[in-house]
Amino acid sequence: SWFPVVDTHPDEAAIADLRLLNPWPELSTFASQMVDNIQHLDDH
């Protein structure tokens, strides 16, 4: 019969899904707050 495998253990490098082209509000807000006035951030 058809045999589904859910826990396929994909390679760790392939798992990440950052959604950079479709960010949700919390992620967009977090990023914008961090880079607010990016030119004036200290080197660290």
PDB file of all heavy atoms in Angstrom:
ATOM      1  N   SER A   1       0.857  -1.180   0.000  1.00  0.00           N
ATOM      2  CA  SER A   1       0.000   0.000   0.000  1.00  0.00           C
ATOM      3  C   SER A   1       0.893   1.229   0.000  1.00  0.00           C
ATOM      4  O   SER A   1       2.104   1.130   0.146  1.00  0.00           O
ATOM      5  CB  SER A   1      -0.925   0.005   1.229  1.00  0.00           C
ATOM      6  OG  SER A   1      -0.158   0.100   2.420  1.00  0.00           O
ATOM      7  N   TRP A   2       0.281   2.384  -0.156  1.00  0.00           N
ATOM      8  CA  TRP A   2       1.055   3.620  -0.100  1.00  0.00           C
ATOM      9  C   TRP A   2       1.664   3.764   1.295  1.00  0.00           C
ATOM     10  O   TRP A   2       0.998   3.541   2.309  1.00  0.00           O
ATOM     11  CB  TRP A   2       0.155   4.810  -0.419  1.00  0.00           C
ATOM     12  CG  TRP A   2      -0.389   4.766  -1.810  1.00  0.00           C
ATOM     13  CD1 TRP A   2      -1.455   4.042  -2.252  1.00  0.00           C
ATOM     14  CD2 TRP A   2       0.125   5.450  -2.944  1.00  0.00           C
ATOM     15  NE1 TRP A   2      -1.647   4.233  -3.597  1.00  0.00           N
ATOM     16  CE2 TRP A   2      -0.690   5.106  -4.052  1.00  0.00           C
ATOM     17  CE3 TRP A   2       1.180   6.331  -3.151  1.00  0.00           C
ATOM     18  CZ2 TRP A   2      -0.476   5.612  -5.319  1.00  0.00           C
ATOM     19  CZ3 TRP A   2       1.385   6.837  -4.423  1.00  0.00           C
ATOM     20  CH2 TRP A   2       0.576   6.476  -5.482  1.00  0.00           C
ATOM     21  N   PHE A   3       2.927   4.148   1.338  1.00  0.00           N
ATOM     22  CA  PHE A   3       3.666   4.142   2.603  1.00  0.00           C
ATOM     23  C   PHE A   3       4.245   5.541   2.846  1.00  0.00           C
ATOM     24  O   PHE A   3       5.265   5.912   2.267  1.00  0.00           O
ATOM     25  CB  PHE A   3       4.790   3.107   2.554  1.00  0.00           C
ATOM     26  CG  PHE A   3       5.454   2.849   3.877  1.00  0.00           C
ATOM     27  CD1 PHE A   3       4.952   1.897   4.750  1.00  0.00           C
ATOM     28  CD2 PHE A   3       6.580   3.559   4.252  1.00  0.00           C
ATOM     29  CE1 PHE A   3       5.562   1.658   5.972  1.00  0.00           C
ATOM     30  CE2 PHE A   3       7.201   3.335   5.472  1.00  0.00           C
ATOM     31  CZ  PHE A   3       6.691   2.381   6.334  1.00  0.00           C
ATOM     32  N   PRO A   4       3.591   6.339   3.693  1.00  0.00           N
ATOM     33  CA  PRO A   4       4.117   7.684   3.968  1.00  0.00           C
ATOM     34  C   PRO A   4       5.191   7.655   5.052  1.00  0.00           C
ATOM     35  O   PRO A   4       5.102   6.911   6.027  1.00  0.00           O
ATOM     36  CB  PRO A   4       2.876   8.435   4.453  1.00  0.00           C
ATOM     37  CG  PRO A   4       2.011   7.379   5.073  1.00  0.00           C
ATOM     38  CD  PRO A   4       2.280   6.104   4.329  1.00  0.00           C
ATOM     39  N   VAL A   5       6.204   8.492   4.863  1.00  0.00           N
ATOM     40  CA  VAL A   5       7.241   8.660   5.877  1.00  0.00           C
ATOM     41  C   VAL A   5       7.302  10.140   6.223  1.00  0.00           C
ATOM     42  O   VAL A   5       7.673  10.969   5.385  1.00  0.00           O
ATOM     43  CB  VAL A   5       8.617   8.179   5.376  1.00  0.00           C
ATOM     44  CG1 VAL A   5       9.653   8.307   6.501  1.00  0.00           C
ATOM     45  CG2 VAL A   5       8.546   6.746   4.881  1.00  0.00           C
ATOM     46  N   VAL A   6       6.920  10.472   7.436  1.00  0.00           N
ATOM     47  CA  VAL A   6       6.912  11.867   7.881  1.00  0.00           C
ATOM     48  C   VAL A   6       8.269  12.256   8.452  1.00  0.00           C
ATOM     49  O   VAL A   6       8.829  13.299   8.114  1.00  0.00           O
ATOM     50  CB  VAL A   6       5.802  12.093   8.928  1.00  0.00           C
ATOM     51  CG1 VAL A   6       5.860  13.513   9.479  1.00  0.00           C
ATOM     52  CG2 VAL A   6       4.434  11.815   8.317  1.00  0.00           C
ATOM     53  N   ASP A   7       8.813  11.412   9.309  1.00  0.00           N
ATOM     54  CA  ASP A   7      10.085  11.727   9.975  1.00  0.00           C
ATOM     55  C   ASP A   7      11.243  11.266   9.097  1.00  0.00           C
ATOM     56  O   ASP A   7      11.884  10.248   9.351  1.00  0.00           O
ATOM     57  CB  ASP A   7      10.130  11.042  11.346  1.00  0.00           C
ATOM     58  CG  ASP A   7      11.154  11.674  12.274  1.00  0.00           C
ATOM     59  OD1 ASP A   7      11.877  12.585  11.815  1.00  0.00           O
ATOM     60  OD2 ASP A   7      11.230  11.270  13.443  1.00  0.00           O
ATOM     61  N   THR A   8      11.514  12.025   8.037  1.00  0.00           N
ATOM     62  CA  THR A   8      12.521  11.625   7.053  1.00  0.00           C
ATOM     63  C   THR A   8      13.938  12.035   7.444  1.00  0.00           C
ATOM     64  O   THR A   8      14.892  11.701   6.741  1.00  0.00           O
ATOM     65  CB  THR A   8      12.192  12.234   5.687  1.00  0.00           C
ATOM     66  OG1 THR A   8      12.032  13.651   5.830  1.00  0.00           O
ATOM     67  CG2 THR A   8      10.905  11.643   5.126  1.00  0.00           C
ATOM     68  N   HIS A   9      14.095  12.777   8.528  1.00  0.00           N
ATOM     69  CA  HIS A   9      15.405  13.238   8.996  1.00  0.00           C
ATOM     70  C   HIS A   9      16.184  13.967   7.897  1.00  0.00           C
ATOM     71  O   HIS A   9      17.263  13.540   7.493  1.00  0.00           O
ATOM     72  CB  HIS A   9      16.225  12.057   9.520  1.00  0.00           C
ATOM     73  CG  HIS A   9      15.676  11.445  10.760  1.00  0.00           C
ATOM     74  ND1 HIS A   9      16.059  11.809  12.030  1.00  0.00           N
ATOM     75  CD2 HIS A   9      14.735  10.474  10.927  1.00  0.00           C
ATOM     76  CE1 HIS A   9      15.399  11.099  12.934  1.00  0.00           C
ATOM     77  NE2 HIS A   9      14.585  10.281  12.283  1.00  0.00           N
ATOM     78  N   PRO A  10      15.645  15.073   7.395  1.00  0.00           N
ATOM     79  CA  PRO A  10      16.370  15.806   6.357  1.00  0.00           C
ATOM     80  C   PRO A  10      17.663  16.391   6.895  1.00  0.00           C
ATOM     81  O   PRO A  10      17.837  16.553   8.111  1.00  0.00           O
ATOM     82  CB  PRO A  10      15.389  16.912   5.961  1.00  0.00           C
ATOM     83  CG  PRO A  10      14.538  17.099   7.173  1.00  0.00           C
ATOM     84  CD  PRO A  10      14.398  15.738   7.783  1.00  0.00           C
ATOM     85  N   ASP A  11      18.560  16.716   5.993  1.00  0.00           N
ATOM     86  CA  ASP A  11      19.828  17.322   6.375  1.00  0.00           C
ATOM     87  C   ASP A  11      19.564  18.652   7.085  1.00  0.00           C
ATOM     88  O   ASP A  11      18.702  19.438   6.675  1.00  0.00           O
ATOM     89  CB  ASP A  11      20.683  17.557   5.131  1.00  0.00           C
ATOM     90  CG  ASP A  11      22.078  18.034   5.490  1.00  0.00           C
ATOM     91  OD1 ASP A  11      22.257  19.249   5.656  1.00  0.00           O
ATOM     92  OD2 ASP A  11      22.983  17.177   5.606  1.00  0.00           O
ATOM     93  N   GLU A  12      20.314  18.902   8.149  1.00  0.00           N
ATOM     94  CA  GLU A  12      20.102  20.114   8.942  1.00  0.00           C
ATOM     95  C   GLU A  12      20.209  21.372   8.081  1.00  0.00           C
ATOM     96  O   GLU A  12      19.508  22.353   8.294  1.00  0.00           O
ATOM     97  CB  GLU A  12      21.124  20.180  10.083  1.00  0.00           C
ATOM     98  CG  GLU A  12      20.871  19.189  11.209  1.00  0.00           C
ATOM     99  CD  GLU A  12      19.606  19.502  11.984  1.00  0.00           C
ATOM    100  OE1 GLU A  12      19.264  20.700  12.088  1.00  0.00           O
ATOM    101  OE2 GLU A  12      18.945  18.572  12.468  1.00  0.00           O
ATOM    102  N   ALA A  13      21.107  21.339   7.087  1.00  0.00           N
ATOM    103  CA  ALA A  13      21.305  22.518   6.248  1.00  0.00           C
ATOM    104  C   ALA A  13      20.089  22.821   5.389  1.00  0.00           C
ATOM    105  O   ALA A  13      19.911  23.955   4.924  1.00  0.00           O
ATOM    106  CB  ALA A  13      22.534  22.326   5.360  1.00  0.00           C
ATOM    107  N   ALA A  14      19.229  21.823   5.174  1.00  0.00           N
ATOM    108  CA  ALA A  14      18.076  22.017   4.292  1.00  0.00           C
ATOM    109  C   ALA A  14      16.817  22.430   5.047  1.00  0.00           C
ATOM    110  O   ALA A  14      15.821  22.814   4.428  1.00  0.00           O
ATOM    111  CB  ALA A  14      17.798  20.722   3.516  1.00  0.00           C
ATOM    112  N   ILE A  15      16.842  22.363   6.361  1.00  0.00           N
ATOM    113  CA  ILE A  15      15.629  22.573   7.150  1.00  0.00           C
ATOM    114  C   ILE A  15      15.224  24.041   7.221  1.00  0.00           C
ATOM    115  O   ILE A  15      14.043  24.379   7.151  1.00  0.00           O
ATOM    116  CB  ILE A  15      15.821  22.000   8.569  1.00  0.00           C
ATOM    117  CG1 ILE A  15      15.849  20.480   8.530  1.00  0.00           C
ATOM    118  CG2 ILE A  15      14.714  22.484   9.489  1.00  0.00           C
ATOM    119  CD1 ILE A  15      16.119  19.850   9.867  1.00  0.00           C
ATOM    120  N   ALA A  16      16.204  24.925   7.350  1.00  0.00           N
ATOM    121  CA  ALA A  16      15.914  26.329   7.635  1.00  0.00           C
ATOM    122  C   ALA A  16      14.987  26.950   6.589  1.00  0.00           C
ATOM    123  O   ALA A  16      15.191  26.801   5.387  1.00  0.00           O
ATOM    124  CB  ALA A  16      17.213  27.120   7.717  1.00  0.00           C
ATOM    125  N   ASP A  17      13.970  27.629   7.056  1.00  0.00           N
ATOM    126  CA  ASP A  17      13.014  28.347   6.206  1.00  0.00           C
ATOM    127  C   ASP A  17      12.843  29.718   6.845  1.00  0.00           C
ATOM    128  O   ASP A  17      12.059  29.905   7.770  1.00  0.00           O
ATOM    129  CB  ASP A  17      11.696  27.568   6.156  1.00  0.00           C
ATOM    130  CG  ASP A  17      10.644  28.277   5.317  1.00  0.00           C
ATOM    131  OD1 ASP A  17      11.005  29.229   4.593  1.00  0.00           O
ATOM    132  OD2 ASP A  17       9.473  27.885   5.383  1.00  0.00           O
ATOM    133  N   LEU A  18      13.597  30.703   6.340  1.00  0.00           N
ATOM    134  CA  LEU A  18      13.657  31.996   7.015  1.00  0.00           C
ATOM    135  C   LEU A  18      12.536  32.944   6.624  1.00  0.00           C
ATOM    136  O   LEU A  18      12.316  33.955   7.291  1.00  0.00           O
ATOM    137  CB  LEU A  18      15.016  32.656   6.734  1.00  0.00           C
ATOM    138  CG  LEU A  18      16.239  31.848   7.184  1.00  0.00           C
ATOM    139  CD1 LEU A  18      17.514  32.640   6.952  1.00  0.00           C
ATOM    140  CD2 LEU A  18      16.125  31.462   8.655  1.00  0.00           C
ATOM    141  N   ARG A  19      11.817  32.662   5.550  1.00  0.00           N
ATOM    142  CA  ARG A  19      10.683  33.482   5.104  1.00  0.00           C
ATOM    143  C   ARG A  19      11.071  34.951   4.889  1.00  0.00           C
ATOM    144  O   ARG A  19      10.319  35.871   5.245  1.00  0.00           O
ATOM    145  CB  ARG A  19       9.536  33.398   6.109  1.00  0.00           C
ATOM    146  CG  ARG A  19       8.902  32.049   6.224  1.00  0.00           C
ATOM    147  CD  ARG A  19       8.081  31.716   4.962  1.00  0.00           C
ATOM    148  NE  ARG A  19       7.813  30.296   4.951  1.00  0.00           N
ATOM    149  CZ  ARG A  19       6.764  29.746   5.566  1.00  0.00           C
ATOM    150  NH1 ARG A  19       5.901  30.512   6.187  1.00  0.00           N
ATOM    151  NH2 ARG A  19       6.597  28.442   5.531  1.00  0.00           N
ATOM    152  N   LEU A  20      12.216  35.180   4.306  1.00  0.00           N
ATOM    153  CA  LEU A  20      12.684  36.549   4.134  1.00  0.00           C
ATOM    154  C   LEU A  20      11.843  37.313   3.118  1.00  0.00           C
ATOM    155  O   LEU A  20      11.736  38.541   3.199  1.00  0.00           O
ATOM    156  CB  LEU A  20      14.150  36.547   3.706  1.00  0.00           C
ATOM    157  CG  LEU A  20      15.120  35.915   4.720  1.00  0.00           C
ATOM    158  CD1 LEU A  20      16.538  35.979   4.204  1.00  0.00           C
ATOM    159  CD2 LEU A  20      15.011  36.604   6.073  1.00  0.00           C
ATOM    160  N   LEU A  21      11.264  36.618   2.150  1.00  0.00           N
ATOM    161  CA  LEU A  21      10.429  37.287   1.160  1.00  0.00           C
ATOM    162  C   LEU A  21       8.985  37.407   1.609  1.00  0.00           C
ATOM    163  O   LEU A  21       8.186  38.106   0.965  1.00  0.00           O
ATOM    164  CB  LEU A  21      10.506  36.551  -0.180  1.00  0.00           C
ATOM    165  CG  LEU A  21      11.895  36.473  -0.824  1.00  0.00           C
ATOM    166  CD1 LEU A  21      11.820  35.811  -2.188  1.00  0.00           C
ATOM    167  CD2 LEU A  21      12.517  37.855  -0.932  1.00  0.00           C
ATOM    168  N   ASN A  22       8.647  36.734   2.705  1.00  0.00           N
ATOM    169  CA  ASN A  22       7.278  36.790   3.240  1.00  0.00           C
ATOM    170  C   ASN A  22       7.330  36.915   4.766  1.00  0.00           C
ATOM    171  O   ASN A  22       6.784  36.090   5.488  1.00  0.00           O
ATOM    172  CB  ASN A  22       6.492  35.535   2.858  1.00  0.00           C
ATOM    173  CG  ASN A  22       6.383  35.355   1.362  1.00  0.00           C
ATOM    174  OD1 ASN A  22       5.607  36.026   0.702  1.00  0.00           O
ATOM    175  ND2 ASN A  22       7.174  34.437   0.820  1.00  0.00           N
ATOM    176  N   PRO A  23       7.981  37.957   5.271  1.00  0.00           N
ATOM    177  CA  PRO A  23       8.103  38.075   6.733  1.00  0.00           C
ATOM    178  C   PRO A  23       6.757  38.416   7.373  1.00  0.00           C
ATOM    179  O   PRO A  23       5.927  39.120   6.786  1.00  0.00           O
ATOM    180  CB  PRO A  23       9.102  39.220   6.898  1.00  0.00           C
ATOM    181  CG  PRO A  23       8.933  40.047   5.661  1.00  0.00           C
ATOM    182  CD  PRO A  23       8.613  39.076   4.565  1.00  0.00           C
ATOM    183  N   TRP A  24       6.532  37.905   8.554  1.00  0.00           N
ATOM    184  CA  TRP A  24       5.316  38.229   9.292  1.00  0.00           C
ATOM    185  C   TRP A  24       5.596  39.463  10.165  1.00  0.00           C
ATOM    186  O   TRP A  24       6.774  39.852  10.349  1.00  0.00           O
ATOM    187  CB  TRP A  24       4.857  37.021  10.105  1.00  0.00           C
ATOM    188  CG  TRP A  24       5.857  36.472  11.081  1.00  0.00           C
ATOM    189  CD1 TRP A  24       5.922  36.689  12.428  1.00  0.00           C
ATOM    190  CD2 TRP A  24       6.961  35.591  10.781  1.00  0.00           C
ATOM    191  NE1 TRP A  24       6.968  36.011  12.989  1.00  0.00           N
ATOM    192  CE2 TRP A  24       7.626  35.334  12.003  1.00  0.00           C
ATOM    193  CE3 TRP A  24       7.454  35.024   9.603  1.00  0.00           C
ATOM    194  CZ2 TRP A  24       8.764  34.524  12.075  1.00  0.00           C
ATOM    195  CZ3 TRP A  24       8.579  34.213   9.680  1.00  0.00           C
ATOM    196  CH2 TRP A  24       9.219  33.967  10.894  1.00  0.00           C
ATOM    197  N   PRO A  25       4.583  40.112  10.686  1.00  0.00           N
ATOM    198  CA  PRO A  25       4.764  41.413  11.359  1.00  0.00           C
ATOM    199  C   PRO A  25       5.811  41.393  12.477  1.00  0.00           C
ATOM    200  O   PRO A  25       6.617  42.324  12.581  1.00  0.00           O
ATOM    201  CB  PRO A  25       3.361  41.718  11.913  1.00  0.00           C
ATOM    202  CG  PRO A  25       2.439  41.011  10.971  1.00  0.00           C
ATOM    203  CD  PRO A  25       3.158  39.758  10.562  1.00  0.00           C
ATOM    204  N   GLU A  26       5.809  40.364  13.326  1.00  0.00           N
ATOM    205  CA  GLU A  26       6.755  40.328  14.444  1.00  0.00           C
ATOM    206  C   GLU A  26       8.198  40.313  13.948  1.00  0.00           C
ATOM    207  O   GLU A  26       9.076  40.971  14.525  1.00  0.00           O
ATOM    208  CB  GLU A  26       6.497  39.113  15.331  1.00  0.00           C
ATOM    209  CG  GLU A  26       5.180  39.151  16.100  1.00  0.00           C
ATOM    210  CD  GLU A  26       4.004  38.642  15.291  1.00  0.00           C
ATOM    211  OE1 GLU A  26       4.172  38.381  14.079  1.00  0.00           O
ATOM    212  OE2 GLU A  26       2.921  38.483  15.874  1.00  0.00           O
ATOM    213  N   LEU A  27       8.451  39.557  12.875  1.00  0.00           N
ATOM    214  CA  LEU A  27       9.811  39.481  12.339  1.00  0.00           C
ATOM    215  C   LEU A  27      10.208  40.813  11.713  1.00  0.00           C
ATOM    216  O   LEU A  27      11.332  41.296  11.916  1.00  0.00           O
ATOM    217  CB  LEU A  27       9.904  38.358  11.305  1.00  0.00           C
ATOM    218  CG  LEU A  27      11.273  38.164  10.644  1.00  0.00           C
ATOM    219  CD1 LEU A  27      12.332  37.825  11.684  1.00  0.00           C
ATOM    220  CD2 LEU A  27      11.219  37.070   9.573  1.00  0.00           C
ATOM    221  N   SER A  28       9.297  41.423  10.959  1.00  0.00           N
ATOM    222  CA  SER A  28       9.605  42.708  10.330  1.00  0.00           C
ATOM    223  C   SER A  28       9.883  43.778  11.382  1.00  0.00           C
ATOM    224  O   SER A  28      10.826  44.576  11.246  1.00  0.00           O
ATOM    225  CB  SER A  28       8.440  43.142   9.438  1.00  0.00           C
ATOM    226  OG  SER A  28       8.252  42.229   8.379  1.00  0.00           O
ATOM    227  N   THR A  29       9.080  43.802  12.432  1.00  0.00           N
ATOM    228  CA  THR A  29       9.270  44.786  13.497  1.00  0.00           C
ATOM    229  C   THR A  29      10.611  44.582  14.191  1.00  0.00           C
ATOM    230  O   THR A  29      11.350  45.546  14.455  1.00  0.00           O
ATOM    231  CB  THR A  29       8.121  44.690  14.516  1.00  0.00           C
ATOM    232  OG1 THR A  29       6.878  44.922  13.858  1.00  0.00           O
ATOM    233  CG2 THR A  29       8.307  45.692  15.639  1.00  0.00           C
ATOM    234  N   PHE A  30      10.939  43.337  14.494  1.00  0.00           N
ATOM    235  CA  PHE A  30      12.202  43.024  15.148  1.00  0.00           C
ATOM    236  C   PHE A  30      13.378  43.508  14.304  1.00  0.00           C
ATOM    237  O   PHE A  30      14.309  44.152  14.807  1.00  0.00           O
ATOM    238  CB  PHE A  30      12.304  41.513  15.377  1.00  0.00           C
ATOM    239  CG  PHE A  30      13.636  41.046  15.887  1.00  0.00           C
ATOM    240  CD1 PHE A  30      13.942  41.134  17.234  1.00  0.00           C
ATOM    241  CD2 PHE A  30      14.583  40.527  15.018  1.00  0.00           C
ATOM    242  CE1 PHE A  30      15.178  40.704  17.713  1.00  0.00           C
ATOM    243  CE2 PHE A  30      15.811  40.083  15.478  1.00  0.00           C
ATOM    244  CZ  PHE A  30      16.113  40.178  16.832  1.00  0.00           C
ATOM    245  N   ALA A  31      13.332  43.226  13.001  1.00  0.00           N
ATOM    246  CA  ALA A  31      14.440  43.596  12.115  1.00  0.00           C
ATOM    247  C   ALA A  31      14.557  45.108  11.990  1.00  0.00           C
ATOM    248  O   ALA A  31      15.663  45.665  12.044  1.00  0.00           O
ATOM    249  CB  ALA A  31      14.237  42.969  10.737  1.00  0.00           C
ATOM    250  N   SER A  32      13.435  45.784  11.812  1.00  0.00           N
ATOM    251  CA  SER A  32      13.484  47.244  11.644  1.00  0.00           C
ATOM    252  C   SER A  32      13.995  47.931  12.906  1.00  0.00           C
ATOM    253  O   SER A  32      14.726  48.924  12.833  1.00  0.00           O
ATOM    254  CB  SER A  32      12.104  47.775  11.263  1.00  0.00           C
ATOM    255  OG  SER A  32      11.150  47.526  12.290  1.00  0.00           O
ATOM    256  N   GLN A  33      13.637  47.432  14.083  1.00  0.00           N
ATOM    257  CA  GLN A  33      14.112  48.020  15.336  1.00  0.00           C
ATOM    258  C   GLN A  33      15.615  47.832  15.504  1.00  0.00           C
ATOM    259  O   GLN A  33      16.309  48.706  16.016  1.00  0.00           O
ATOM    260  CB  GLN A  33      13.359  47.419  16.521  1.00  0.00           C
ATOM    261  CG  GLN A  33      11.902  47.847  16.607  1.00  0.00           C
ATOM    262  CD  GLN A  33      11.158  47.147  17.728  1.00  0.00           C
ATOM    263  OE1 GLN A  33      11.637  46.163  18.305  1.00  0.00           O
ATOM    264  NE2 GLN A  33       9.959  47.669  18.050  1.00  0.00           N
ATOM    265  N   MET A  34      16.119  46.686  15.040  1.00  0.00           N
ATOM    266  CA  MET A  34      17.544  46.416  15.210  1.00  0.00           C
ATOM    267  C   MET A  34      18.401  47.290  14.308  1.00  0.00           C
ATOM    268  O   MET A  34      19.525  47.662  14.666  1.00  0.00           O
ATOM    269  CB  MET A  34      17.859  44.943  14.926  1.00  0.00           C
ATOM    270  CG  MET A  34      17.530  43.997  16.048  1.00  0.00           C
ATOM    271  SD  MET A  34      18.639  42.576  16.044  1.00  0.00           S
ATOM    272  CE  MET A  34      20.197  43.321  16.495  1.00  0.00           C
ATOM    273  N   VAL A  35      17.911  47.608  13.115  1.00  0.00           N
ATOM    274  CA  VAL A  35      18.730  48.361  12.159  1.00  0.00           C
ATOM    275  C   VAL A  35      18.310  49.829  12.090  1.00  0.00           C
ATOM    276  O   VAL A  35      18.711  50.549  11.167  1.00  0.00           O
ATOM    277  CB  VAL A  35      18.658  47.737  10.749  1.00  0.00           C
ATOM    278  CG1 VAL A  35      19.244  46.356  10.754  1.00  0.00           C
ATOM    279  CG2 VAL A  35      17.215  47.703  10.240  1.00  0.00           C
ATOM    280  N   ASP A  36      17.479  50.255  13.032  1.00  0.00           N
ATOM    281  CA  ASP A  36      17.074  51.658  13.050  1.00  0.00           C
ATOM    282  C   ASP A  36      18.321  52.534  13.158  1.00  0.00           C
ATOM    283  O   ASP A  36      19.115  52.392  14.087  1.00  0.00           O
ATOM    284  CB  ASP A  36      16.134  51.909  14.237  1.00  0.00           C
ATOM    285  CG  ASP A  36      15.568  53.324  14.237  1.00  0.00           C
ATOM    286  OD1 ASP A  36      15.433  53.897  13.135  1.00  0.00           O
ATOM    287  OD2 ASP A  36      15.287  53.835  15.331  1.00  0.00           O
ATOM    288  N   ASN A  37      18.496  53.385  12.162  1.00  0.00           N
ATOM    289  CA  ASN A  37      19.675  54.254  12.110  1.00  0.00           C
ATOM    290  C   ASN A  37      20.952  53.416  12.094  1.00  0.00           C
ATOM    291  O   ASN A  37      21.846  53.591  12.919  1.00  0.00           O
ATOM    292  CB  ASN A  37      19.681  55.215  13.307  1.00  0.00           C
ATOM    293  CG  ASN A  37      20.459  56.479  13.007  1.00  0.00           C
ATOM    294  OD1 ASN A  37      20.897  56.700  11.885  1.00  0.00           O
ATOM    295  ND2 ASN A  37      20.631  57.313  14.026  1.00  0.00           N
ATOM    296  N   ILE A  38      21.024  52.455  11.139  1.00  0.00           N
ATOM    297  CA  ILE A  38      22.112  51.490  11.073  1.00  0.00           C
ATOM    298  C   ILE A  38      23.484  52.143  10.965  1.00  0.00           C
ATOM    299  O   ILE A  38      24.486  51.616  11.465  1.00  0.00           O
ATOM    300  CB  ILE A  38      21.887  50.520   9.886  1.00  0.00           C
ATOM    301  CG1 ILE A  38      22.904  49.374   9.935  1.00  0.00           C
ATOM    302  CG2 ILE A  38      21.925  51.243   8.555  1.00  0.00           C
ATOM    303  CD1 ILE A  38      22.645  48.292   8.906  1.00  0.00           C
ATOM    304  N   GLN A  39      23.557  53.304  10.319  1.00  0.00           N
ATOM    305  CA  GLN A  39      24.848  53.954  10.128  1.00  0.00           C
ATOM    306  C   GLN A  39      25.471  54.393  11.445  1.00  0.00           C
ATOM    307  O   GLN A  39      26.695  54.601  11.528  1.00  0.00           O
ATOM    308  CB  GLN A  39      24.689  55.168   9.196  1.00  0.00           C
ATOM    309  CG  GLN A  39      24.168  54.821   7.812  1.00  0.00           C
ATOM    310  CD  GLN A  39      25.082  53.840   7.088  1.00  0.00           C
ATOM    311  OE1 GLN A  39      26.302  53.869   7.266  1.00  0.00           O
ATOM    312  NE2 GLN A  39      24.491  52.972   6.281  1.00  0.00           N
ATOM    313  N   HIS A  40      24.654  54.556  12.480  1.00  0.00           N
ATOM    314  CA  HIS A  40      25.171  55.043  13.754  1.00  0.00           C
ATOM    315  C   HIS A  40      25.388  53.925  14.778  1.00  0.00           C
ATOM    316  O   HIS A  40      25.702  54.197  15.934  1.00  0.00           O
ATOM    317  CB  HIS A  40      24.227  56.101  14.335  1.00  0.00           C
ATOM    318  CG  HIS A  40      24.174  57.352  13.525  1.00  0.00           C
ATOM    319  ND1 HIS A  40      23.334  57.512  12.443  1.00  0.00           N
ATOM    320  CD2 HIS A  40      24.890  58.525  13.619  1.00  0.00           C
ATOM    321  CE1 HIS A  40      23.503  58.708  11.908  1.00  0.00           C
ATOM    322  NE2 HIS A  40      24.449  59.345  12.597  1.00  0.00           N
ATOM    323  N   LEU A  41      25.211  52.661  14.351  1.00  0.00           N
ATOM    324  CA  LEU A  41      25.517  51.548  15.259  1.00  0.00           C
ATOM    325  C   LEU A  41      27.011  51.485  15.501  1.00  0.00           C
ATOM    326  O   LEU A  41      27.816  51.736  14.590  1.00  0.00           O
ATOM    327  CB  LEU A  41      25.035  50.225  14.651  1.00  0.00           C
ATOM    328  CG  LEU A  41      23.529  49.995  14.534  1.00  0.00           C
ATOM    329  CD1 LEU A  41      23.264  48.676  13.815  1.00  0.00           C
ATOM    330  CD2 LEU A  41      22.864  50.003  15.898  1.00  0.00           C
ATOM    331  N   ASP A  42      27.399  51.162  16.726  1.00  0.00           N
ATOM    332  CA  ASP A  42      28.843  51.010  16.962  1.00  0.00           C
ATOM    333  C   ASP A  42      29.331  49.744  16.275  1.00  0.00           C
ATOM    334  O   ASP A  42      28.542  48.910  15.817  1.00  0.00           O
ATOM    335  CB  ASP A  42      29.158  51.006  18.464  1.00  0.00           C
ATOM    336  CG  ASP A  42      28.506  49.847  19.223  1.00  0.00           C
ATOM    337  OD1 ASP A  42      28.420  48.731  18.659  1.00  0.00           O
ATOM    338  OD2 ASP A  42      28.086  50.053  20.370  1.00  0.00           O
ATOM    339  N   ASP A  43      30.661  49.591  16.184  1.00  0.00           N
ATOM    340  CA  ASP A  43      31.234  48.473  15.431  1.00  0.00           C
ATOM    341  C   ASP A  43      30.808  47.123  15.986  1.00  0.00           C
ATOM    342  O   ASP A  43      30.596  46.166  15.223  1.00  0.00           O
ATOM    343  CB  ASP A  43      32.769  48.574  15.443  1.00  0.00           C
ATOM    344  CG  ASP A  43      33.282  49.652  14.488  1.00  0.00           C
ATOM    345  OD1 ASP A  43      32.468  50.138  13.680  1.00  0.00           O
ATOM    346  OD2 ASP A  43      34.484  49.980  14.563  1.00  0.00           O
ATOM    347  N   HIS A  44      30.687  47.041  17.309  1.00  0.00           N
ATOM    348  CA  HIS A  44      30.304  45.754  17.909  1.00  0.00           C
ATOM    349  C   HIS A  44      28.895  45.367  17.474  1.00  0.00           C
ATOM    350  O   HIS A  44      28.666  44.238  17.013  1.00  0.00           O
ATOM    351  CB  HIS A  44      30.370  45.832  19.430  1.00  0.00           C
ATOM    352  CG  HIS A  44      29.957  44.567  20.108  1.00  0.00           C
ATOM    353  ND1 HIS A  44      30.772  43.463  20.208  1.00  0.00           N
ATOM    354  CD2 HIS A  44      28.771  44.222  20.710  1.00  0.00           C
ATOM    355  CE1 HIS A  44      30.134  42.483  20.839  1.00  0.00           C
ATOM    356  NE2 HIS A  44      28.915  42.921  21.160  1.00  0.00           N
TER     357      HIS A  44
END
